[in-house]
Amino acid sequence: MFLPTLAHAGAWPRDKGELFLSFANEISTAPQTRYATGTSLYAEYGLTDRLTVGFDGTLGATGTPSEGYLFLRTPLGKADRPARLAVSFGLGVKSIPNPWGTTTNQKLAKIGASWGRGLQRGWLAVDMSAAWVLDSSITVPGQSGATYKADFTWGMKPSERIMLIWQLQTGKVPDASAYAKFSPSLIWQMRRQKGTHIEIGFVYGLTGDDSQNLKLGFWKRF
């Protein structure tokens, strides 16, 4: 049975002492935001066999918010079960630029739950989270309520060096309709760099979102 420790592990804890890093950049192809870019950085480290610590951050395009979280994640139940469960807790900060005044800084909290199941040559996963503002220098409409996310993932590993990820990203942000985005990716393992992968994909808004982004990422496991 395949376990997705090469990817964002979600319900699966990192092995003790193992470090995973991923960096991705998206560029918009939508007419109204063409060539706008967004960057994400993600890191996980196995502090113990049952405790994973990490960082999850995004740097938005010019004029859009950026945020980052430090988090702890721990599994629930026995590790030998086919299906895995985990919960996470995080604290973070968010920076909201204001072209006419001072940048707004917010302190955030996030809780999350993950479910995953390994398949013969792949995996299934559901990752859900809720985040809310603990403190804000200024109350910003549309940026001051709770944010909810739920991602549904089907990962496939057709060969030793290739993974395919099909992901449906859904969520709800303050003062806006719920959204859904489709985000498939191909991950290719570099032959001469053990634990190093290149990710190529795109993000397409289905409803409540107009994203049309190309994605290029880099993964490394130590």
N, C-alpha and C. Protein backbone atom coordinates (compact mmCIF):
# COMPACT_ATOMS: atom_id res chain seq x y z
N MET A 1 0.85 -1.20 0.00
CA MET A 1 0.00 0.00 0.00
C MET A 1 0.89 1.24 0.00
N PHE A 2 0.54 2.20 -0.86
CA PHE A 2 1.34 3.42 -0.99
C PHE A 2 0.95 4.43 0.07
N LEU A 3 1.96 5.04 0.73
CA LEU A 3 1.73 6.10 1.69
C LEU A 3 2.35 7.38 1.16
N PRO A 4 1.61 8.50 1.12
CA PRO A 4 2.05 9.71 0.41
C PRO A 4 3.00 10.58 1.21
N THR A 5 4.07 9.99 1.77
CA THR A 5 5.01 10.81 2.53
C THR A 5 5.90 11.65 1.62
N LEU A 6 5.85 11.41 0.30
CA LEU A 6 6.59 12.27 -0.62
C LEU A 6 5.86 13.58 -0.85
N ALA A 7 4.56 13.61 -0.55
CA ALA A 7 3.76 14.80 -0.78
C ALA A 7 3.47 15.48 0.55
N HIS A 8 2.57 16.49 0.53
CA HIS A 8 2.09 17.08 1.78
C HIS A 8 1.36 15.97 2.52
N ALA A 9 1.88 15.53 3.65
CA ALA A 9 1.48 14.26 4.24
C ALA A 9 0.07 14.27 4.81
N GLY A 10 -0.46 15.42 5.25
CA GLY A 10 -1.82 15.47 5.74
C GLY A 10 -2.04 14.55 6.93
N ALA A 11 -2.81 13.49 6.71
CA ALA A 11 -3.15 12.57 7.80
C ALA A 11 -1.98 11.71 8.24
N TRP A 12 -0.93 11.62 7.43
CA TRP A 12 0.22 10.79 7.75
C TRP A 12 1.32 11.62 8.42
N PRO A 13 1.80 11.23 9.58
CA PRO A 13 2.87 12.00 10.22
C PRO A 13 4.20 11.80 9.52
N ARG A 14 5.06 12.78 9.60
CA ARG A 14 6.43 12.63 9.12
C ARG A 14 7.20 11.69 10.05
N ASP A 15 8.12 10.93 9.47
CA ASP A 15 9.00 10.14 10.32
C ASP A 15 9.87 11.06 11.17
N LYS A 16 10.23 10.60 12.35
CA LYS A 16 11.06 11.40 13.24
C LYS A 16 12.36 11.80 12.55
N GLY A 17 12.66 13.11 12.55
CA GLY A 17 13.88 13.62 11.95
C GLY A 17 13.79 13.88 10.46
N GLU A 18 12.66 13.58 9.82
CA GLU A 18 12.51 13.80 8.37
C GLU A 18 12.00 15.22 8.10
N LEU A 19 12.56 15.85 7.09
CA LEU A 19 12.19 17.21 6.68
C LEU A 19 11.67 17.19 5.26
N PHE A 20 10.54 17.85 5.03
CA PHE A 20 9.96 17.99 3.69
C PHE A 20 9.77 19.46 3.39
N LEU A 21 10.20 19.90 2.21
CA LEU A 21 10.05 21.29 1.78
C LEU A 21 9.38 21.33 0.42
N SER A 22 8.52 22.30 0.22
CA SER A 22 7.97 22.53 -1.13
C SER A 22 7.84 24.04 -1.37
N PHE A 23 8.14 24.41 -2.61
CA PHE A 23 8.06 25.80 -3.05
C PHE A 23 7.32 25.80 -4.36
N ALA A 24 6.36 26.68 -4.51
CA ALA A 24 5.58 26.72 -5.75
C ALA A 24 5.30 28.16 -6.15
N ASN A 25 5.24 28.38 -7.44
CA ASN A 25 4.91 29.70 -7.97
C ASN A 25 3.79 29.54 -9.00
N GLU A 26 2.78 30.39 -8.89
CA GLU A 26 1.68 30.38 -9.84
C GLU A 26 1.66 31.69 -10.61
N ILE A 27 1.35 31.59 -11.89
CA ILE A 27 1.23 32.78 -12.72
C ILE A 27 -0.13 32.75 -13.41
N SER A 28 -0.85 33.86 -13.33
CA SER A 28 -2.20 33.92 -13.86
C SER A 28 -2.19 34.06 -15.38
N THR A 29 -3.12 33.35 -16.03
CA THR A 29 -3.34 33.50 -17.46
C THR A 29 -4.71 34.11 -17.75
N ALA A 30 -5.47 34.44 -16.68
CA ALA A 30 -6.78 35.06 -16.85
C ALA A 30 -6.62 36.48 -17.40
N PRO A 31 -7.48 36.90 -18.33
CA PRO A 31 -7.33 38.24 -18.95
C PRO A 31 -7.27 39.38 -17.94
N GLN A 32 -8.07 39.32 -16.86
CA GLN A 32 -8.15 40.44 -15.92
C GLN A 32 -6.96 40.49 -14.96
N THR A 33 -6.22 39.40 -14.82
CA THR A 33 -5.07 39.36 -13.89
C THR A 33 -3.84 38.75 -14.55
N ARG A 34 -3.73 38.87 -15.84
CA ARG A 34 -2.67 38.18 -16.59
C ARG A 34 -1.28 38.55 -16.06
N TYR A 35 -0.46 37.50 -15.86
CA TYR A 35 0.94 37.58 -15.41
C TYR A 35 1.08 37.91 -13.92
N ALA A 36 -0.02 38.07 -13.19
CA ALA A 36 0.10 38.22 -11.73
C ALA A 36 0.62 36.91 -11.14
N THR A 37 1.48 37.00 -10.16
CA THR A 37 2.10 35.80 -9.60
C THR A 37 1.79 35.67 -8.11
N GLY A 38 1.81 34.43 -7.64
CA GLY A 38 1.66 34.13 -6.22
C GLY A 38 2.63 33.02 -5.86
N THR A 39 3.18 33.08 -4.68
CA THR A 39 4.20 32.13 -4.26
C THR A 39 3.78 31.47 -2.95
N SER A 40 4.06 30.18 -2.84
CA SER A 40 3.76 29.46 -1.60
C SER A 40 5.00 28.70 -1.14
N LEU A 41 5.14 28.61 0.18
CA LEU A 41 6.24 27.86 0.80
C LEU A 41 5.64 26.99 1.89
N TYR A 42 6.00 25.70 1.86
CA TYR A 42 5.46 24.75 2.82
C TYR A 42 6.59 23.89 3.35
N ALA A 43 6.58 23.62 4.67
CA ALA A 43 7.62 22.81 5.28
C ALA A 43 7.02 21.96 6.38
N GLU A 44 7.51 20.72 6.50
CA GLU A 44 7.11 19.81 7.57
C GLU A 44 8.35 19.14 8.14
N TYR A 45 8.35 18.91 9.45
CA TYR A 45 9.46 18.22 10.10
C TYR A 45 8.91 17.27 11.15
N GLY A 46 9.39 16.03 11.14
CA GLY A 46 8.97 15.05 12.11
C GLY A 46 9.69 15.25 13.44
N LEU A 47 9.01 15.91 14.38
CA LEU A 47 9.63 16.16 15.68
C LEU A 47 9.71 14.88 16.49
N THR A 48 8.65 14.08 16.43
CA THR A 48 8.63 12.73 16.99
C THR A 48 7.87 11.87 15.99
N ASP A 49 7.67 10.60 16.30
CA ASP A 49 6.92 9.72 15.41
C ASP A 49 5.45 10.10 15.32
N ARG A 50 4.96 10.88 16.29
CA ARG A 50 3.54 11.25 16.30
C ARG A 50 3.31 12.76 16.35
N LEU A 51 4.35 13.53 16.17
CA LEU A 51 4.19 14.99 16.18
C LEU A 51 4.98 15.61 15.04
N THR A 52 4.25 16.25 14.14
CA THR A 52 4.84 16.95 13.00
C THR A 52 4.67 18.44 13.19
N VAL A 53 5.74 19.21 13.00
CA VAL A 53 5.66 20.67 13.06
C VAL A 53 5.90 21.21 11.66
N GLY A 54 5.39 22.40 11.38
CA GLY A 54 5.56 22.91 10.03
C GLY A 54 5.25 24.38 9.88
N PHE A 55 5.43 24.82 8.64
CA PHE A 55 5.14 26.20 8.24
C PHE A 55 4.38 26.15 6.93
N ASP A 56 3.34 26.98 6.82
CA ASP A 56 2.54 27.06 5.60
C ASP A 56 2.32 28.54 5.30
N GLY A 57 2.91 29.02 4.21
CA GLY A 57 2.83 30.44 3.91
C GLY A 57 2.56 30.73 2.46
N THR A 58 1.94 31.86 2.19
CA THR A 58 1.69 32.32 0.83
C THR A 58 2.04 33.79 0.71
N LEU A 59 2.65 34.14 -0.41
CA LEU A 59 2.97 35.52 -0.74
C LEU A 59 2.15 35.89 -1.96
N GLY A 60 1.14 36.74 -1.76
CA GLY A 60 0.22 37.07 -2.83
C GLY A 60 0.82 38.00 -3.86
N ALA A 61 0.10 38.14 -4.96
CA ALA A 61 0.49 39.09 -6.00
C ALA A 61 0.47 40.51 -5.43
N THR A 62 1.10 41.42 -6.12
CA THR A 62 1.16 42.81 -5.67
C THR A 62 -0.24 43.34 -5.37
N GLY A 63 -0.41 43.88 -4.17
CA GLY A 63 -1.69 44.44 -3.78
C GLY A 63 -2.66 43.46 -3.15
N THR A 64 -2.24 42.20 -2.96
CA THR A 64 -3.11 41.19 -2.36
C THR A 64 -2.50 40.70 -1.04
N PRO A 65 -3.31 40.12 -0.15
CA PRO A 65 -2.80 39.70 1.16
C PRO A 65 -1.77 38.58 1.08
N SER A 66 -0.90 38.53 2.09
CA SER A 66 0.05 37.44 2.29
C SER A 66 -0.11 36.93 3.72
N GLU A 67 0.13 35.63 3.93
CA GLU A 67 -0.04 35.09 5.27
C GLU A 67 0.87 33.89 5.49
N GLY A 68 1.11 33.57 6.77
CA GLY A 68 1.93 32.42 7.10
C GLY A 68 1.52 31.86 8.45
N TYR A 69 1.60 30.53 8.58
CA TYR A 69 1.23 29.84 9.81
C TYR A 69 2.36 28.91 10.26
N LEU A 70 2.56 28.82 11.55
CA LEU A 70 3.31 27.75 12.18
C LEU A 70 2.28 26.78 12.77
N PHE A 71 2.50 25.48 12.55
CA PHE A 71 1.47 24.54 13.00
C PHE A 71 2.07 23.29 13.62
N LEU A 72 1.24 22.60 14.40
CA LEU A 72 1.52 21.29 14.96
C LEU A 72 0.46 20.32 14.47
N ARG A 73 0.86 19.10 14.11
CA ARG A 73 -0.12 18.10 13.66
C ARG A 73 0.17 16.77 14.33
N THR A 74 -0.86 16.09 14.78
CA THR A 74 -0.69 14.80 15.43
C THR A 74 -1.76 13.84 14.94
N PRO A 75 -1.42 12.57 14.75
CA PRO A 75 -2.41 11.60 14.29
C PRO A 75 -3.33 11.16 15.42
N LEU A 76 -4.49 10.66 15.04
CA LEU A 76 -5.44 10.08 15.98
C LEU A 76 -5.55 8.58 15.71
N GLY A 77 -5.59 7.78 16.73
CA GLY A 77 -5.74 6.35 16.55
C GLY A 77 -4.43 5.66 16.24
N LYS A 78 -4.53 4.36 15.94
CA LYS A 78 -3.36 3.53 15.70
C LYS A 78 -2.79 3.75 14.30
N ALA A 79 -1.48 3.59 14.18
CA ALA A 79 -0.80 3.84 12.91
C ALA A 79 -0.96 2.71 11.91
N ASP A 80 -1.46 1.53 12.34
CA ASP A 80 -1.57 0.40 11.44
C ASP A 80 -2.93 0.30 10.75
N ARG A 81 -3.78 1.29 10.95
CA ARG A 81 -5.09 1.28 10.31
C ARG A 81 -4.98 1.70 8.84
N PRO A 82 -5.82 1.13 7.96
CA PRO A 82 -5.79 1.53 6.54
C PRO A 82 -6.09 3.01 6.33
N ALA A 83 -7.04 3.52 7.10
CA ALA A 83 -7.39 4.94 7.01
C ALA A 83 -6.77 5.68 8.18
N ARG A 84 -6.28 6.87 7.92
CA ARG A 84 -5.62 7.67 8.95
C ARG A 84 -6.40 8.95 9.22
N LEU A 85 -6.32 9.41 10.47
CA LEU A 85 -6.89 10.67 10.88
C LEU A 85 -5.83 11.49 11.60
N ALA A 86 -5.89 12.81 11.45
CA ALA A 86 -4.96 13.69 12.15
C ALA A 86 -5.64 15.03 12.39
N VAL A 87 -5.19 15.72 13.43
CA VAL A 87 -5.67 17.07 13.72
C VAL A 87 -4.47 18.01 13.78
N SER A 88 -4.70 19.27 13.48
CA SER A 88 -3.62 20.26 13.49
C SER A 88 -4.09 21.54 14.15
N PHE A 89 -3.13 22.27 14.69
CA PHE A 89 -3.38 23.55 15.34
C PHE A 89 -2.29 24.52 14.90
N GLY A 90 -2.67 25.73 14.53
CA GLY A 90 -1.68 26.69 14.04
C GLY A 90 -1.96 28.12 14.46
N LEU A 91 -0.90 28.90 14.51
CA LEU A 91 -0.98 30.34 14.74
C LEU A 91 -0.26 31.04 13.60
N GLY A 92 -0.79 32.18 13.18
CA GLY A 92 -0.17 32.84 12.05
C GLY A 92 -0.40 34.34 12.03
N VAL A 93 0.12 34.94 10.98
CA VAL A 93 -0.04 36.38 10.75
C VAL A 93 -0.45 36.60 9.31
N LYS A 94 -1.15 37.70 9.08
CA LYS A 94 -1.61 38.06 7.74
C LYS A 94 -1.36 39.53 7.52
N SER A 95 -0.83 39.86 6.35
CA SER A 95 -0.55 41.24 5.99
C SER A 95 -1.45 41.63 4.82
N ILE A 96 -2.23 42.69 5.01
CA ILE A 96 -3.18 43.14 3.99
C ILE A 96 -2.75 44.52 3.51
N PRO A 97 -2.21 44.64 2.31
CA PRO A 97 -1.73 45.95 1.82
C PRO A 97 -2.88 46.91 1.58
N ASN A 98 -2.58 48.19 1.78
CA ASN A 98 -3.56 49.26 1.55
C ASN A 98 -2.89 50.34 0.72
N PRO A 99 -3.29 50.49 -0.56
CA PRO A 99 -2.63 51.48 -1.43
C PRO A 99 -2.83 52.91 -0.97
N TRP A 100 -3.79 53.15 -0.06
CA TRP A 100 -4.08 54.51 0.37
C TRP A 100 -3.70 54.76 1.83
N GLY A 101 -3.08 53.77 2.47
CA GLY A 101 -2.77 53.95 3.88
C GLY A 101 -1.87 52.87 4.42
N THR A 102 -1.96 52.64 5.72
CA THR A 102 -1.09 51.71 6.42
C THR A 102 -1.51 50.27 6.17
N THR A 103 -0.54 49.39 6.00
CA THR A 103 -0.81 47.96 5.85
C THR A 103 -1.45 47.41 7.12
N THR A 104 -2.49 46.61 6.96
CA THR A 104 -3.17 45.98 8.09
C THR A 104 -2.49 44.66 8.44
N ASN A 105 -2.18 44.47 9.73
CA ASN A 105 -1.58 43.23 10.19
C ASN A 105 -2.56 42.51 11.12
N GLN A 106 -2.74 41.23 10.88
CA GLN A 106 -3.67 40.43 11.66
C GLN A 106 -2.95 39.24 12.29
N LYS A 107 -3.39 38.86 13.49
CA LYS A 107 -2.95 37.62 14.13
C LYS A 107 -4.06 36.59 13.95
N LEU A 108 -3.68 35.38 13.54
CA LEU A 108 -4.65 34.37 13.15
C LEU A 108 -4.47 33.09 13.94
N ALA A 109 -5.53 32.30 14.02
CA ALA A 109 -5.48 30.95 14.58
C ALA A 109 -6.16 30.02 13.57
N LYS A 110 -5.71 28.77 13.53
CA LYS A 110 -6.28 27.82 12.59
C LYS A 110 -6.34 26.43 13.24
N ILE A 111 -7.42 25.74 13.01
CA ILE A 111 -7.53 24.34 13.38
C ILE A 111 -7.83 23.54 12.11
N GLY A 112 -7.38 22.29 12.08
CA GLY A 112 -7.59 21.49 10.89
C GLY A 112 -7.77 20.02 11.22
N ALA A 113 -8.37 19.29 10.30
CA ALA A 113 -8.54 17.85 10.41
C ALA A 113 -8.25 17.23 9.06
N SER A 114 -7.57 16.10 9.06
CA SER A 114 -7.19 15.42 7.82
C SER A 114 -7.56 13.94 7.90
N TRP A 115 -8.04 13.42 6.79
CA TRP A 115 -8.32 12.00 6.63
C TRP A 115 -7.56 11.51 5.40
N GLY A 116 -7.01 10.32 5.48
CA GLY A 116 -6.30 9.78 4.33
C GLY A 116 -6.35 8.26 4.31
N ARG A 117 -6.26 7.72 3.12
CA ARG A 117 -6.25 6.26 2.96
C ARG A 117 -5.30 5.90 1.83
N GLY A 118 -4.34 5.02 2.10
CA GLY A 118 -3.42 4.56 1.08
C GLY A 118 -4.07 3.54 0.17
N LEU A 119 -3.74 3.62 -1.12
CA LEU A 119 -4.22 2.68 -2.12
C LEU A 119 -3.04 1.87 -2.65
N GLN A 120 -3.33 0.93 -3.53
CA GLN A 120 -2.26 0.09 -4.06
C GLN A 120 -1.19 0.92 -4.75
N ARG A 121 -1.61 1.87 -5.56
CA ARG A 121 -0.66 2.77 -6.23
C ARG A 121 -1.17 4.20 -6.18
N GLY A 122 -1.47 4.64 -4.97
CA GLY A 122 -1.96 6.01 -4.82
C GLY A 122 -2.53 6.23 -3.44
N TRP A 123 -3.35 7.26 -3.31
CA TRP A 123 -3.97 7.58 -2.02
C TRP A 123 -5.16 8.50 -2.22
N LEU A 124 -6.02 8.54 -1.21
CA LEU A 124 -7.13 9.46 -1.14
C LEU A 124 -6.95 10.31 0.11
N ALA A 125 -7.34 11.58 0.05
CA ALA A 125 -7.18 12.45 1.21
C ALA A 125 -8.24 13.54 1.22
N VAL A 126 -8.63 13.93 2.43
CA VAL A 126 -9.50 15.08 2.65
C VAL A 126 -8.84 15.93 3.73
N ASP A 127 -8.63 17.20 3.45
CA ASP A 127 -8.01 18.12 4.41
C ASP A 127 -8.94 19.31 4.60
N MET A 128 -9.36 19.53 5.84
CA MET A 128 -10.29 20.60 6.17
C MET A 128 -9.67 21.53 7.21
N SER A 129 -10.02 22.81 7.15
CA SER A 129 -9.49 23.76 8.14
C SER A 129 -10.44 24.93 8.32
N ALA A 130 -10.32 25.55 9.48
CA ALA A 130 -11.05 26.79 9.77
C ALA A 130 -10.06 27.76 10.41
N ALA A 131 -10.03 28.99 9.93
CA ALA A 131 -9.12 30.01 10.46
C ALA A 131 -9.91 31.25 10.82
N TRP A 132 -9.47 31.94 11.86
CA TRP A 132 -10.16 33.15 12.27
C TRP A 132 -9.17 34.16 12.81
N VAL A 133 -9.60 35.41 12.87
CA VAL A 133 -8.75 36.52 13.29
C VAL A 133 -8.78 36.66 14.80
N LEU A 134 -7.60 36.63 15.42
CA LEU A 134 -7.48 36.86 16.86
C LEU A 134 -7.37 38.34 17.18
N ASP A 135 -6.66 39.07 16.32
CA ASP A 135 -6.43 40.49 16.57
C ASP A 135 -6.08 41.15 15.24
N SER A 136 -6.54 42.38 15.05
CA SER A 136 -6.30 43.09 13.80
C SER A 136 -6.03 44.56 14.10
N SER A 137 -5.03 45.11 13.44
CA SER A 137 -4.71 46.53 13.66
C SER A 137 -5.82 47.43 13.14
N ILE A 138 -6.52 46.98 12.09
CA ILE A 138 -7.66 47.71 11.53
C ILE A 138 -8.68 46.67 11.07
N THR A 139 -9.96 46.93 11.27
CA THR A 139 -10.99 46.03 10.76
C THR A 139 -11.15 46.25 9.26
N VAL A 140 -10.92 45.18 8.48
CA VAL A 140 -10.98 45.27 7.02
C VAL A 140 -12.17 44.47 6.52
N PRO A 141 -13.12 45.11 5.83
CA PRO A 141 -14.27 44.36 5.28
C PRO A 141 -13.81 43.22 4.39
N GLY A 142 -14.39 42.05 4.58
CA GLY A 142 -14.03 40.89 3.77
C GLY A 142 -12.79 40.17 4.24
N GLN A 143 -12.13 40.67 5.29
CA GLN A 143 -10.90 40.06 5.77
C GLN A 143 -10.93 39.82 7.28
N SER A 144 -12.08 39.94 7.91
CA SER A 144 -12.12 39.91 9.36
C SER A 144 -12.94 38.76 9.94
N GLY A 145 -13.55 37.95 9.13
CA GLY A 145 -14.33 36.83 9.63
C GLY A 145 -13.56 35.52 9.54
N ALA A 146 -14.27 34.43 9.72
CA ALA A 146 -13.67 33.09 9.64
C ALA A 146 -13.55 32.64 8.19
N THR A 147 -12.51 31.88 7.91
CA THR A 147 -12.26 31.32 6.59
C THR A 147 -12.29 29.79 6.70
N TYR A 148 -13.00 29.14 5.80
CA TYR A 148 -13.13 27.68 5.82
C TYR A 148 -12.59 27.10 4.51
N LYS A 149 -11.90 25.97 4.63
CA LYS A 149 -11.36 25.31 3.44
C LYS A 149 -11.55 23.80 3.55
N ALA A 150 -11.76 23.16 2.43
CA ALA A 150 -11.81 21.69 2.35
C ALA A 150 -11.24 21.28 1.00
N ASP A 151 -10.18 20.50 1.02
CA ASP A 151 -9.53 20.02 -0.20
C ASP A 151 -9.69 18.51 -0.29
N PHE A 152 -10.05 18.04 -1.49
CA PHE A 152 -10.27 16.62 -1.75
C PHE A 152 -9.24 16.16 -2.78
N THR A 153 -8.44 15.16 -2.43
CA THR A 153 -7.30 14.79 -3.26
C THR A 153 -7.33 13.30 -3.61
N TRP A 154 -7.04 13.02 -4.88
CA TRP A 154 -6.80 11.66 -5.35
C TRP A 154 -5.40 11.65 -5.96
N GLY A 155 -4.50 10.96 -5.30
CA GLY A 155 -3.13 10.86 -5.80
C GLY A 155 -2.88 9.51 -6.44
N MET A 156 -2.12 9.53 -7.54
CA MET A 156 -1.80 8.31 -8.27
C MET A 156 -0.29 8.23 -8.47
N LYS A 157 0.25 7.02 -8.41
CA LYS A 157 1.68 6.82 -8.65
C LYS A 157 1.84 5.71 -9.70
N PRO A 158 1.72 6.06 -10.98
CA PRO A 158 1.77 5.05 -12.04
C PRO A 158 3.15 4.45 -12.26
N SER A 159 4.21 5.15 -11.82
CA SER A 159 5.56 4.62 -11.96
C SER A 159 6.41 5.12 -10.79
N GLU A 160 7.63 4.64 -10.70
CA GLU A 160 8.50 5.00 -9.59
C GLU A 160 8.86 6.48 -9.58
N ARG A 161 8.85 7.13 -10.73
CA ARG A 161 9.31 8.51 -10.81
C ARG A 161 8.21 9.51 -11.10
N ILE A 162 6.98 9.06 -11.24
CA ILE A 162 5.88 9.96 -11.62
C ILE A 162 4.72 9.81 -10.65
N MET A 163 4.18 10.94 -10.21
CA MET A 163 2.93 11.00 -9.46
C MET A 163 1.97 11.96 -10.16
N LEU A 164 0.68 11.62 -10.11
CA LEU A 164 -0.37 12.48 -10.62
C LEU A 164 -1.30 12.82 -9.46
N ILE A 165 -1.61 14.10 -9.31
CA ILE A 165 -2.48 14.54 -8.22
C ILE A 165 -3.68 15.28 -8.81
N TRP A 166 -4.87 14.81 -8.46
CA TRP A 166 -6.11 15.46 -8.87
C TRP A 166 -6.74 16.03 -7.62
N GLN A 167 -6.91 17.33 -7.57
CA GLN A 167 -7.39 17.97 -6.35
C GLN A 167 -8.53 18.93 -6.63
N LEU A 168 -9.56 18.83 -5.78
CA LEU A 168 -10.66 19.79 -5.78
C LEU A 168 -10.51 20.64 -4.53
N GLN A 169 -10.33 21.94 -4.72
CA GLN A 169 -10.14 22.88 -3.61
C GLN A 169 -11.43 23.67 -3.43
N THR A 170 -11.99 23.62 -2.22
CA THR A 170 -13.22 24.36 -1.94
C THR A 170 -13.03 25.21 -0.70
N GLY A 171 -13.89 26.19 -0.53
CA GLY A 171 -13.77 27.03 0.65
C GLY A 171 -14.79 28.15 0.69
N LYS A 172 -14.72 28.89 1.77
CA LYS A 172 -15.60 30.05 1.98
C LYS A 172 -14.82 31.11 2.74
N VAL A 173 -14.73 32.30 2.17
CA VAL A 173 -14.06 33.43 2.81
C VAL A 173 -15.11 34.45 3.21
N PRO A 174 -14.79 35.36 4.15
CA PRO A 174 -15.79 36.32 4.61
C PRO A 174 -16.37 37.18 3.48
N ASP A 175 -17.66 37.44 3.57
CA ASP A 175 -18.36 38.35 2.65
C ASP A 175 -18.23 37.94 1.19
N ALA A 176 -18.17 36.65 0.92
CA ALA A 176 -18.07 36.16 -0.46
C ALA A 176 -18.74 34.81 -0.57
N SER A 177 -19.08 34.43 -1.80
CA SER A 177 -19.70 33.12 -2.02
C SER A 177 -18.68 32.01 -1.86
N ALA A 178 -19.16 30.81 -1.61
CA ALA A 178 -18.27 29.65 -1.58
C ALA A 178 -17.63 29.46 -2.94
N TYR A 179 -16.43 28.89 -2.95
CA TYR A 179 -15.71 28.70 -4.21
C TYR A 179 -15.29 27.24 -4.36
N ALA A 180 -14.98 26.88 -5.60
CA ALA A 180 -14.42 25.57 -5.91
C ALA A 180 -13.42 25.74 -7.04
N LYS A 181 -12.25 25.09 -6.90
CA LYS A 181 -11.20 25.16 -7.90
C LYS A 181 -10.68 23.75 -8.18
N PHE A 182 -10.34 23.50 -9.43
CA PHE A 182 -9.76 22.22 -9.84
C PHE A 182 -8.26 22.42 -10.04
N SER A 183 -7.46 21.56 -9.40
CA SER A 183 -6.01 21.75 -9.43
C SER A 183 -5.28 20.41 -9.65
N PRO A 184 -5.09 20.00 -10.90
CA PRO A 184 -4.32 18.79 -11.17
C PRO A 184 -2.83 19.12 -11.33
N SER A 185 -1.98 18.15 -10.96
CA SER A 185 -0.53 18.34 -11.07
C SER A 185 0.14 17.05 -11.48
N LEU A 186 1.26 17.19 -12.15
CA LEU A 186 2.16 16.08 -12.44
C LEU A 186 3.45 16.32 -11.68
N ILE A 187 3.90 15.31 -10.94
CA ILE A 187 5.13 15.42 -10.15
C ILE A 187 6.14 14.42 -10.68
N TRP A 188 7.31 14.89 -11.01
CA TRP A 188 8.35 14.07 -11.63
C TRP A 188 9.59 14.07 -10.74
N GLN A 189 10.07 12.87 -10.42
CA GLN A 189 11.25 12.73 -9.58
C GLN A 189 12.52 12.85 -10.42
N MET A 190 13.42 13.74 -10.00
CA MET A 190 14.69 13.92 -10.70
C MET A 190 15.57 12.69 -10.45
N ARG A 191 16.17 12.18 -11.51
CA ARG A 191 16.90 10.92 -11.43
C ARG A 191 18.14 11.04 -10.55
N ARG A 192 18.89 12.11 -10.66
CA ARG A 192 20.18 12.22 -9.97
C ARG A 192 20.10 12.93 -8.62
N GLN A 193 18.91 13.42 -8.26
CA GLN A 193 18.74 14.12 -7.00
C GLN A 193 17.72 13.37 -6.15
N LYS A 194 18.20 12.51 -5.24
CA LYS A 194 17.31 11.69 -4.43
C LYS A 194 16.41 12.57 -3.57
N GLY A 195 15.11 12.26 -3.60
CA GLY A 195 14.15 13.02 -2.80
C GLY A 195 13.74 14.34 -3.39
N THR A 196 14.14 14.64 -4.62
CA THR A 196 13.83 15.92 -5.26
C THR A 196 12.82 15.70 -6.38
N HIS A 197 11.77 16.54 -6.39
CA HIS A 197 10.71 16.41 -7.37
C HIS A 197 10.37 17.78 -7.97
N ILE A 198 9.92 17.75 -9.21
CA ILE A 198 9.43 18.95 -9.90
C ILE A 198 7.92 18.78 -10.12
N GLU A 199 7.17 19.83 -9.81
CA GLU A 199 5.72 19.80 -9.97
C GLU A 199 5.29 20.77 -11.07
N ILE A 200 4.43 20.30 -11.97
CA ILE A 200 3.86 21.12 -13.04
C ILE A 200 2.34 20.93 -13.01
N GLY A 201 1.59 22.01 -12.98
CA GLY A 201 0.14 21.87 -12.94
C GLY A 201 -0.56 23.17 -13.25
N PHE A 202 -1.86 23.20 -12.98
CA PHE A 202 -2.62 24.43 -13.16
C PHE A 202 -3.76 24.46 -12.15
N VAL A 203 -4.33 25.65 -11.95
CA VAL A 203 -5.46 25.87 -11.06
C VAL A 203 -6.55 26.56 -11.86
N TYR A 204 -7.76 25.99 -11.86
CA TYR A 204 -8.85 26.55 -12.65
C TYR A 204 -10.09 26.72 -11.78
N GLY A 205 -10.59 27.94 -11.69
CA GLY A 205 -11.77 28.22 -10.90
C GLY A 205 -13.02 27.65 -11.55
N LEU A 206 -13.80 26.90 -10.76
CA LEU A 206 -15.04 26.31 -11.27
C LEU A 206 -16.25 27.15 -10.93
N THR A 207 -16.31 27.65 -9.69
CA THR A 207 -17.41 28.50 -9.27
C THR A 207 -16.95 29.38 -8.12
N GLY A 208 -17.41 30.61 -8.10
CA GLY A 208 -17.02 31.55 -7.06
C GLY A 208 -15.57 31.98 -7.10
N ASP A 209 -14.86 31.65 -8.17
CA ASP A 209 -13.43 31.96 -8.30
C ASP A 209 -13.10 31.97 -9.78
N ASP A 210 -12.28 32.96 -10.20
CA ASP A 210 -11.94 33.07 -11.62
C ASP A 210 -10.48 32.74 -11.90
N SER A 211 -9.85 31.94 -11.04
CA SER A 211 -8.44 31.58 -11.24
C SER A 211 -8.23 30.81 -12.54
N GLN A 212 -7.16 31.17 -13.23
CA GLN A 212 -6.66 30.42 -14.38
C GLN A 212 -5.13 30.51 -14.30
N ASN A 213 -4.54 29.67 -13.45
CA ASN A 213 -3.12 29.81 -13.12
C ASN A 213 -2.31 28.60 -13.57
N LEU A 214 -1.14 28.88 -14.10
CA LEU A 214 -0.15 27.84 -14.33
C LEU A 214 0.70 27.71 -13.07
N LYS A 215 1.15 26.50 -12.77
CA LYS A 215 1.86 26.23 -11.51
C LYS A 215 3.15 25.47 -11.77
N LEU A 216 4.22 25.95 -11.14
CA LEU A 216 5.51 25.25 -11.19
C LEU A 216 6.04 25.16 -9.77
N GLY A 217 6.35 23.94 -9.32
CA GLY A 217 6.78 23.74 -7.95
C GLY A 217 8.00 22.86 -7.83
N PHE A 218 8.58 22.88 -6.64
CA PHE A 218 9.79 22.12 -6.33
C PHE A 218 9.60 21.47 -4.96
N TRP A 219 9.82 20.15 -4.87
CA TRP A 219 9.71 19.41 -3.62
C TRP A 219 11.06 18.80 -3.26
N LYS A 220 11.32 18.75 -1.98
CA LYS A 220 12.57 18.12 -1.52
C LYS A 220 12.32 17.45 -0.17
N ARG A 221 12.75 16.20 -0.05
CA ARG A 221 12.64 15.47 1.21
C ARG A 221 14.04 15.11 1.69
N PHE A 222 14.31 15.40 2.97
CA PHE A 222 15.63 15.15 3.55
C PHE A 222 15.51 14.04 4.61
